[in-house]
């Protein structure tokens, strides 16, 4: 465990607020599904008792019945929750992947491009700061400004899949400046 605990828990309202709100919606929807299944189970048992002229028993309150209800709600809700969280995590992972490819292209070509993320992504503040950083690098090192030929020459390869070919890169070194 880290010796330096973060004092402020809510550091980015957009990202954390969206995730907390989405989790709250999931919990609410899950509980509604459980209640609906309990009511449906009870209604089926009571209607069966009415049709067969038998007194309704208290099976709805047994552990087996409740476990089946909760299990049914879990099986019903899980695909929706997983899909929604996948979409939400993509709003963070997508921009991170974009920043990663920009940095990998910089290492390959020596030119640094501005980041553009899609509308609705959650790293808007980071995009702004990253682009300010890119502009500062361009001001200090004009050779990092992308040209039309360098943008075409760099093939977008996923950073984790880039194989080293043994060639040297054109990236400016920190020692050279």
Protein backbone atom coordinates (compact mmCIF):
# COMPACT_ATOMS: atom_id res chain seq x y z
CA UNK A 1 0.00 0.00 0.00
CA UNK A 2 1.22 3.46 -0.83
CA UNK A 3 2.50 5.67 1.95
CA UNK A 4 1.04 8.72 0.26
CA UNK A 5 -2.72 8.39 0.13
CA UNK A 6 -4.60 10.76 -2.11
CA UNK A 7 -6.57 13.17 0.08
CA UNK A 8 -9.00 14.27 -2.60
CA UNK A 9 -11.10 11.34 -3.80
CA UNK A 10 -13.06 13.16 -6.54
CA UNK A 11 -10.26 14.37 -8.81
CA UNK A 12 -12.18 14.51 -12.10
CA UNK A 13 -15.92 15.09 -11.89
CA UNK A 14 -16.56 14.24 -15.52
CA UNK A 15 -14.94 10.81 -15.46
CA UNK A 16 -15.66 9.78 -11.88
CA UNK A 17 -19.12 11.36 -11.82
CA UNK A 18 -20.10 9.53 -15.01
CA UNK A 19 -18.87 6.20 -13.64
CA UNK A 20 -20.58 6.67 -10.27
CA UNK A 21 -23.85 7.73 -11.92
CA UNK A 22 -23.70 4.74 -14.28
CA UNK A 23 -23.02 2.35 -11.40
CA UNK A 24 -25.98 3.85 -9.50
CA UNK A 25 -28.21 3.25 -12.52
CA UNK A 26 -26.98 -0.35 -12.73
CA UNK A 27 -27.69 -1.01 -9.06
CA UNK A 28 -31.14 0.57 -9.36
CA UNK A 29 -31.99 -1.43 -12.50
CA UNK A 30 -30.69 -4.63 -10.91
CA UNK A 31 -32.86 -4.11 -7.81
CA UNK A 32 -35.92 -3.34 -9.96
CA UNK A 33 -35.28 -6.56 -11.89
CA UNK A 34 -35.09 -8.57 -8.66
CA UNK A 35 -38.31 -7.02 -7.34
CA UNK A 36 -40.06 -7.62 -10.66
CA UNK A 37 -39.00 -11.27 -10.69
CA UNK A 38 -40.18 -11.74 -7.10
CA UNK A 39 -43.57 -10.22 -7.96
CA UNK A 40 -43.82 -12.29 -11.16
CA UNK A 41 -42.92 -15.46 -9.24
CA UNK A 42 -45.50 -14.66 -6.60
CA UNK A 43 -48.16 -13.89 -9.22
CA UNK A 44 -47.49 -17.16 -11.04
CA UNK A 45 -47.70 -19.15 -7.82
CA UNK A 46 -50.92 -17.43 -6.74
CA UNK A 47 -52.54 -17.81 -10.17
CA UNK A 48 -51.57 -21.48 -10.21
CA UNK A 49 -53.10 -21.89 -6.75
CA UNK A 50 -56.34 -20.21 -7.91
CA UNK A 51 -56.59 -22.38 -11.05
CA UNK A 52 -55.93 -25.62 -9.18
CA UNK A 53 -58.09 -24.65 -6.18
CA UNK A 54 -55.19 -25.13 -3.81
CA UNK A 55 -54.29 -22.78 -1.03
CA UNK A 56 -51.24 -20.67 -1.86
CA UNK A 57 -48.19 -21.85 -0.03
CA UNK A 58 -45.34 -19.79 1.27
CA UNK A 59 -42.83 -21.18 -1.26
CA UNK A 60 -42.03 -17.69 -2.47
CA UNK A 61 -40.32 -16.97 0.81
CA UNK A 62 -38.11 -20.06 0.79
CA UNK A 63 -34.37 -19.76 0.28
CA UNK A 64 -34.49 -21.82 -2.92
CA UNK A 65 -37.11 -19.55 -4.44
CA UNK A 66 -35.24 -16.40 -3.49
CA UNK A 67 -31.93 -17.75 -4.80
CA UNK A 68 -33.55 -18.66 -8.10
CA UNK A 69 -35.02 -15.15 -8.32
CA UNK A 70 -31.71 -13.44 -7.58
CA UNK A 71 -29.88 -15.79 -9.95
CA UNK A 72 -32.41 -15.06 -12.68
CA UNK A 73 -31.98 -11.32 -12.17
CA UNK A 74 -28.21 -11.70 -12.32
CA UNK A 75 -28.36 -13.68 -15.56
CA UNK A 76 -30.83 -11.23 -17.07
CA UNK A 77 -29.01 -8.02 -16.10
CA UNK A 78 -25.37 -9.08 -16.53
CA UNK A 79 -25.17 -8.74 -20.35
CA UNK A 80 -26.66 -5.24 -20.19
CA UNK A 81 -24.32 -4.14 -17.41
CA UNK A 82 -21.22 -5.58 -19.10
CA UNK A 83 -22.12 -3.99 -22.46
CA UNK A 84 -22.80 -0.61 -20.87
CA UNK A 85 -19.55 -0.68 -18.88
CA UNK A 86 -17.68 -1.69 -22.05
CA UNK A 87 -19.11 1.37 -23.83
CA UNK A 88 -18.26 3.59 -20.87
CA UNK A 89 -14.71 2.28 -20.54
CA UNK A 90 -14.25 2.87 -24.28
CA UNK A 91 -14.84 6.58 -23.65
CA UNK A 92 -11.63 6.49 -21.57
CA UNK A 93 -9.64 3.73 -23.28
CA UNK A 94 -10.22 5.13 -26.78
CA UNK A 95 -8.58 8.49 -26.05
CA UNK A 96 -5.76 6.78 -24.13
CA UNK A 97 -5.13 4.58 -27.17
CA UNK A 98 -5.10 7.69 -29.38
CA UNK A 99 -2.49 9.39 -27.14
CA UNK A 100 -0.45 6.18 -27.15
CA UNK A 101 -0.41 6.04 -30.97
CA UNK A 102 0.58 9.71 -31.19
CA UNK A 103 3.54 9.10 -28.87
CA UNK A 104 4.54 5.93 -30.76
CA UNK A 105 4.42 7.90 -34.03
CA UNK A 106 6.61 10.57 -32.41
CA UNK A 107 9.20 7.95 -31.47
CA UNK A 108 9.15 6.56 -35.03
CA UNK A 109 9.10 9.78 -37.04
CA UNK A 110 10.24 12.58 -34.76
CA UNK A 111 7.11 14.60 -35.52
CA UNK A 112 4.53 15.24 -32.85
CA UNK A 113 0.88 15.77 -33.77
CA UNK A 114 -1.99 17.25 -31.82
CA UNK A 115 -4.58 14.91 -30.34
CA UNK A 116 -8.18 14.91 -31.49
CA UNK A 117 -10.66 12.83 -29.55
CA UNK A 118 -14.27 12.11 -30.37
CA UNK A 119 -17.21 14.00 -29.00
CA UNK A 120 -18.47 12.29 -25.85
CA UNK A 121 -15.06 10.93 -24.79
CA UNK A 122 -14.16 11.59 -21.17
CA UNK A 123 -10.56 12.83 -21.42
CA UNK A 124 -11.35 16.30 -22.77
CA UNK A 125 -9.25 18.06 -20.09
CA UNK A 126 -6.29 15.80 -20.80
CA UNK A 127 -6.63 16.42 -24.54
CA UNK A 128 -6.43 20.17 -23.94
CA UNK A 129 -3.33 19.83 -21.74
CA UNK A 130 -1.72 17.38 -24.15
CA UNK A 131 -2.25 19.75 -27.08
CA UNK A 132 -0.79 22.63 -25.04
CA UNK A 133 2.23 20.40 -24.38
CA UNK A 134 2.51 19.63 -28.12
CA UNK A 135 2.43 23.35 -28.94
CA UNK A 136 5.17 24.01 -26.36
CA UNK A 137 7.32 21.23 -27.83
CA UNK A 138 6.76 22.65 -31.32
CA UNK A 139 7.84 26.10 -30.08
CA UNK A 140 11.03 24.71 -28.52
CA UNK A 141 11.80 22.15 -31.23
CA UNK A 142 10.42 23.23 -34.62
CA UNK A 143 11.69 19.99 -36.19
CA UNK A 144 8.89 18.15 -34.35
CA UNK A 145 6.19 19.97 -36.33
CA UNK A 146 4.63 17.40 -38.67
CA UNK A 147 4.98 17.94 -42.39
CA UNK A 148 2.77 16.52 -45.13
CA UNK A 149 5.41 13.90 -46.01
CA UNK A 150 6.07 12.80 -42.42
CA UNK A 151 2.36 12.34 -41.77
CA UNK A 152 2.12 10.01 -44.78
CA UNK A 153 5.36 8.18 -44.00
CA UNK A 154 4.29 7.07 -40.52
CA UNK A 155 2.04 4.05 -40.62
CA UNK A 156 -0.41 3.86 -37.72
CA UNK A 157 0.61 0.66 -35.96
CA UNK A 158 -0.83 -0.23 -32.56
CA UNK A 159 1.93 0.66 -30.07
CA UNK A 160 1.90 -2.75 -28.40
CA UNK A 161 2.30 -4.52 -31.76
CA UNK A 162 5.15 -2.48 -33.19
CA UNK A 163 8.11 -4.71 -33.95
CA UNK A 164 11.57 -3.25 -33.85
CA UNK A 165 13.34 -3.41 -37.19
CA UNK A 166 16.76 -2.43 -35.96
CA UNK A 167 16.63 0.97 -37.64
CA UNK A 168 17.24 4.15 -35.73
CA UNK A 169 14.49 6.66 -35.17
CA UNK A 170 14.48 10.30 -36.14
CA UNK A 171 13.19 11.37 -32.73
CA UNK A 172 15.14 14.23 -31.23
CA UNK A 173 17.16 13.18 -28.24
CA UNK A 174 17.13 15.08 -25.00
CA UNK A 175 20.93 15.18 -24.98
CA UNK A 176 21.07 16.84 -28.41
CA UNK A 177 19.20 19.95 -27.20
